[in-house]
Protein backbone atom coordinates (compact mmCIF):
# COMPACT_ATOMS: atom_id res chain seq x y z
CA MET A 1 0.00 0.00 0.00
CA ARG A 2 1.22 3.48 -0.83
CA THR A 3 2.01 5.88 1.95
CA PRO A 4 -0.53 8.70 2.12
CA ILE A 5 0.53 11.97 0.58
CA PHE A 6 -0.62 15.42 1.68
CA ILE A 7 0.25 18.93 0.65
CA ARG A 8 2.76 20.95 2.60
CA PRO A 9 1.56 23.67 5.01
CA LEU A 10 0.08 26.63 3.14
CA THR A 11 1.18 30.24 3.37
CA GLU A 12 -1.53 32.89 3.78
CA ASP A 13 -1.19 33.97 0.13
CA GLU A 14 -1.50 30.39 -1.08
CA GLN A 15 -4.53 29.83 1.11
CA ARG A 16 -6.22 32.98 -0.30
CA SER A 17 -5.43 31.91 -3.86
CA ILE A 18 -6.84 28.44 -3.31
CA GLN A 19 -10.00 29.88 -1.71
CA ALA A 20 -10.39 32.20 -4.70
CA GLY A 21 -9.86 29.24 -7.02
CA LEU A 22 -12.83 27.48 -5.43
CA ARG A 23 -15.00 30.16 -7.06
CA ALA A 24 -13.26 29.95 -10.45
CA LYS A 25 -15.21 29.50 -13.66
CA ASP A 26 -12.48 27.32 -15.09
CA ALA A 27 -13.20 23.69 -14.17
CA PHE A 28 -9.50 22.83 -14.28
CA VAL A 29 -8.62 25.40 -11.58
CA LEU A 30 -11.71 24.53 -9.55
CA ARG A 31 -10.95 20.80 -9.50
CA ARG A 32 -7.33 21.38 -8.50
CA CYS A 33 -8.27 23.80 -5.73
CA GLN A 34 -10.82 21.30 -4.42
CA SER A 35 -8.11 18.60 -4.39
CA LEU A 36 -5.73 20.86 -2.47
CA THR A 37 -8.39 21.97 0.02
CA LEU A 38 -9.43 18.41 0.78
CA SER A 39 -5.79 17.41 1.19
CA THR A 40 -5.26 20.18 3.78
CA ARG A 41 -8.16 18.69 5.74
CA GLY A 42 -6.33 15.37 5.95
CA GLU A 43 -8.25 13.50 3.24
CA ARG A 44 -6.29 10.83 1.40
CA ALA A 45 -5.93 10.75 -2.39
CA PRO A 46 -8.40 7.86 -3.05
CA ALA A 47 -11.11 9.55 -0.94
CA ILE A 48 -10.54 12.88 -2.70
CA ALA A 49 -10.70 11.15 -6.06
CA ARG A 50 -14.03 9.49 -5.20
CA GLN A 51 -15.50 12.84 -4.12
CA LEU A 52 -14.33 14.64 -7.24
CA GLY A 53 -15.01 11.82 -9.68
CA CYS A 54 -11.46 11.47 -10.95
CA ASP A 55 -8.59 9.03 -10.67
CA ASP A 56 -6.55 8.93 -7.46
CA GLN A 57 -3.33 9.27 -9.47
CA THR A 58 -4.64 12.58 -10.77
CA VAL A 59 -5.02 13.79 -7.19
CA ARG A 60 -1.51 12.57 -6.35
CA ASN A 61 -0.13 14.45 -9.37
CA VAL A 62 -1.80 17.66 -8.17
CA ILE A 63 -0.39 17.24 -4.65
CA HIS A 64 3.11 16.42 -5.90
CA GLY A 65 2.92 19.36 -8.30
CA PHE A 66 1.86 21.74 -5.55
CA ASN A 67 4.58 20.52 -3.19
CA ALA A 68 7.19 21.04 -5.92
CA ASN A 69 5.95 24.17 -7.74
CA GLY A 70 3.41 25.85 -5.49
CA LEU A 71 0.51 27.69 -7.11
CA ALA A 72 1.89 27.07 -10.58
CA VAL A 73 -0.02 23.78 -10.40
CA LEU A 74 -3.23 25.78 -10.92
CA GLN A 75 -2.11 26.78 -14.43
CA ALA A 76 -2.78 24.31 -17.22
CA GLY A 77 0.46 23.21 -18.86
CA SER A 78 1.00 22.24 -22.44
CA SER A 79 -0.33 18.87 -23.51
CA ARG A 80 2.26 18.66 -26.25
CA PRO A 81 4.65 15.74 -25.81
CA HIS A 82 8.14 16.63 -24.64
CA ARG A 83 9.72 14.69 -27.47
CA LEU A 84 8.10 13.73 -30.73
CA ARG A 85 8.96 10.21 -31.70
CA THR A 86 9.98 9.92 -35.29
CA SER A 87 9.81 6.60 -37.04
CA PHE A 88 12.30 7.62 -39.70
CA SER A 89 15.76 8.83 -38.73
CA GLN A 90 17.36 11.39 -41.03
CA GLU A 91 19.27 8.62 -42.82
CA ALA A 92 16.16 6.43 -43.09
CA ALA A 93 14.14 9.35 -44.49
CA GLN A 94 16.78 9.87 -47.17
CA ARG A 95 16.67 6.16 -48.02
CA LEU A 96 12.87 6.45 -48.23
CA LYS A 97 13.20 9.34 -50.67
CA ASP A 98 15.61 7.29 -52.80
CA LEU A 99 13.20 4.36 -52.65
CA LEU A 100 10.37 6.50 -54.01
CA HIS A 101 12.42 7.37 -57.10
CA ARG A 102 12.33 3.73 -58.09
CA SER A 103 9.37 1.78 -59.35
CA PRO A 104 7.32 -0.23 -56.85
CA ARG A 105 7.71 -3.12 -59.28
CA ASP A 106 11.42 -3.25 -58.38
CA PHE A 107 10.25 -4.40 -54.94
CA GLY A 108 7.81 -7.06 -56.10
CA GLN A 109 4.71 -4.86 -56.09
CA GLU A 110 2.17 -5.15 -58.90
CA ARG A 111 1.70 -1.45 -59.42
CA SER A 112 3.63 1.37 -60.99
CA ARG A 113 2.64 4.21 -58.65
CA TRP A 114 3.60 4.83 -55.03
CA THR A 115 1.10 5.55 -52.29
CA LEU A 116 2.06 6.53 -48.77
CA GLN A 117 0.72 3.24 -47.44
CA LEU A 118 2.70 1.26 -49.99
CA ALA A 119 5.84 3.26 -49.20
CA ALA A 120 5.39 2.48 -45.48
CA GLN A 121 4.99 -1.24 -46.22
CA VAL A 122 8.00 -1.45 -48.54
CA SER A 123 10.14 0.63 -46.15
CA PHE A 124 9.52 -1.94 -43.44
CA GLU A 125 10.11 -4.88 -45.79
CA GLN A 126 13.39 -3.37 -47.02
CA GLY A 127 14.65 -2.76 -43.48
CA ILE A 128 14.64 1.03 -43.72
CA ILE A 129 12.56 1.12 -40.55
CA SER A 130 12.38 -1.44 -37.76
CA ARG A 131 8.60 -1.67 -37.35
CA PRO A 132 5.51 -1.08 -39.49
CA VAL A 133 4.33 2.54 -39.53
CA SER A 134 1.32 4.46 -40.78
CA ASP A 135 1.14 6.42 -43.99
CA GLU A 136 1.09 9.59 -41.87
CA SER A 137 4.58 8.74 -40.58
CA VAL A 138 5.82 8.50 -44.16
CA ARG A 139 4.20 11.82 -45.03
CA ARG A 140 5.86 13.54 -42.03
CA ALA A 141 9.25 12.04 -42.91
CA LEU A 142 8.98 13.39 -46.45
CA LYS A 143 7.85 16.77 -45.16
CA ARG A 144 11.00 16.97 -42.99
CA LEU A 145 13.01 16.45 -46.19
CA LYS A 146 10.98 19.26 -47.80
CA THR A 147 9.71 16.87 -50.43
CA ASN A 148 6.31 17.71 -51.83
CA TRP A 149 4.04 14.68 -51.83
CA LYS A 150 0.84 14.28 -53.74
CA ARG A 151 -1.36 11.24 -53.29
CA ALA A 152 0.55 9.15 -55.80
CA LYS A 153 3.58 9.74 -57.95
CA HIS A 154 3.12 9.18 -61.64
CA TRP A 155 6.01 7.62 -63.44
CA ILE A 156 4.96 5.94 -66.63
CA THR A 157 6.68 2.61 -66.49
CA SER A 158 6.28 -0.81 -67.96
CA PRO A 159 7.43 -4.25 -66.85
CA ASP A 160 9.01 -4.61 -70.31
CA PRO A 161 12.84 -4.76 -69.88
CA GLN A 162 13.25 -2.87 -73.19
CA TYR A 163 10.81 -0.13 -72.15
CA GLN A 164 13.41 2.58 -71.49
CA LEU A 165 15.13 1.96 -74.84
CA LYS A 166 11.82 1.99 -76.74
CA LYS A 167 10.70 5.16 -74.95
CA THR A 168 13.96 6.92 -75.79
CA LEU A 169 13.68 5.93 -79.47
CA ALA A 170 10.04 7.00 -79.64
CA THR A 171 10.55 10.42 -78.08
CA ALA A 172 13.87 11.28 -79.75
């Protein structure tokens, strides 16, 4: 069983701010002030969570945050992740770009145009990335390389081995 956690003793300014927060229109501030007030009364985190209709870990996070940062815990922080995970390293993204300049048929596919989903599948099969990814991951990797991507790339190709020679003779 976890040891009970409570907030540290409040200063007069903190107590006034928390009392004012109990009348706040913002539900985030209100809920946090309620958690802190109940903790000063000696309530434990699970009991506070039941009263407020939230998880007891949420209450613990508020108490830990108050003990560490004071009234800053009443301000909503950013929900943005600290580090964005990228599926493609810089080298892997460059290999992906090189892959897209070849025909999908070179990789055993029965089509001549790339889609993001197909590029993700072939990248995994070719060992460019270590796990399957979504087409959105491929799009973001290409965007980092400043490569413009439309839905599919059109390269008129043919499975005929003499295609390039015939095309050159026809257009010359």
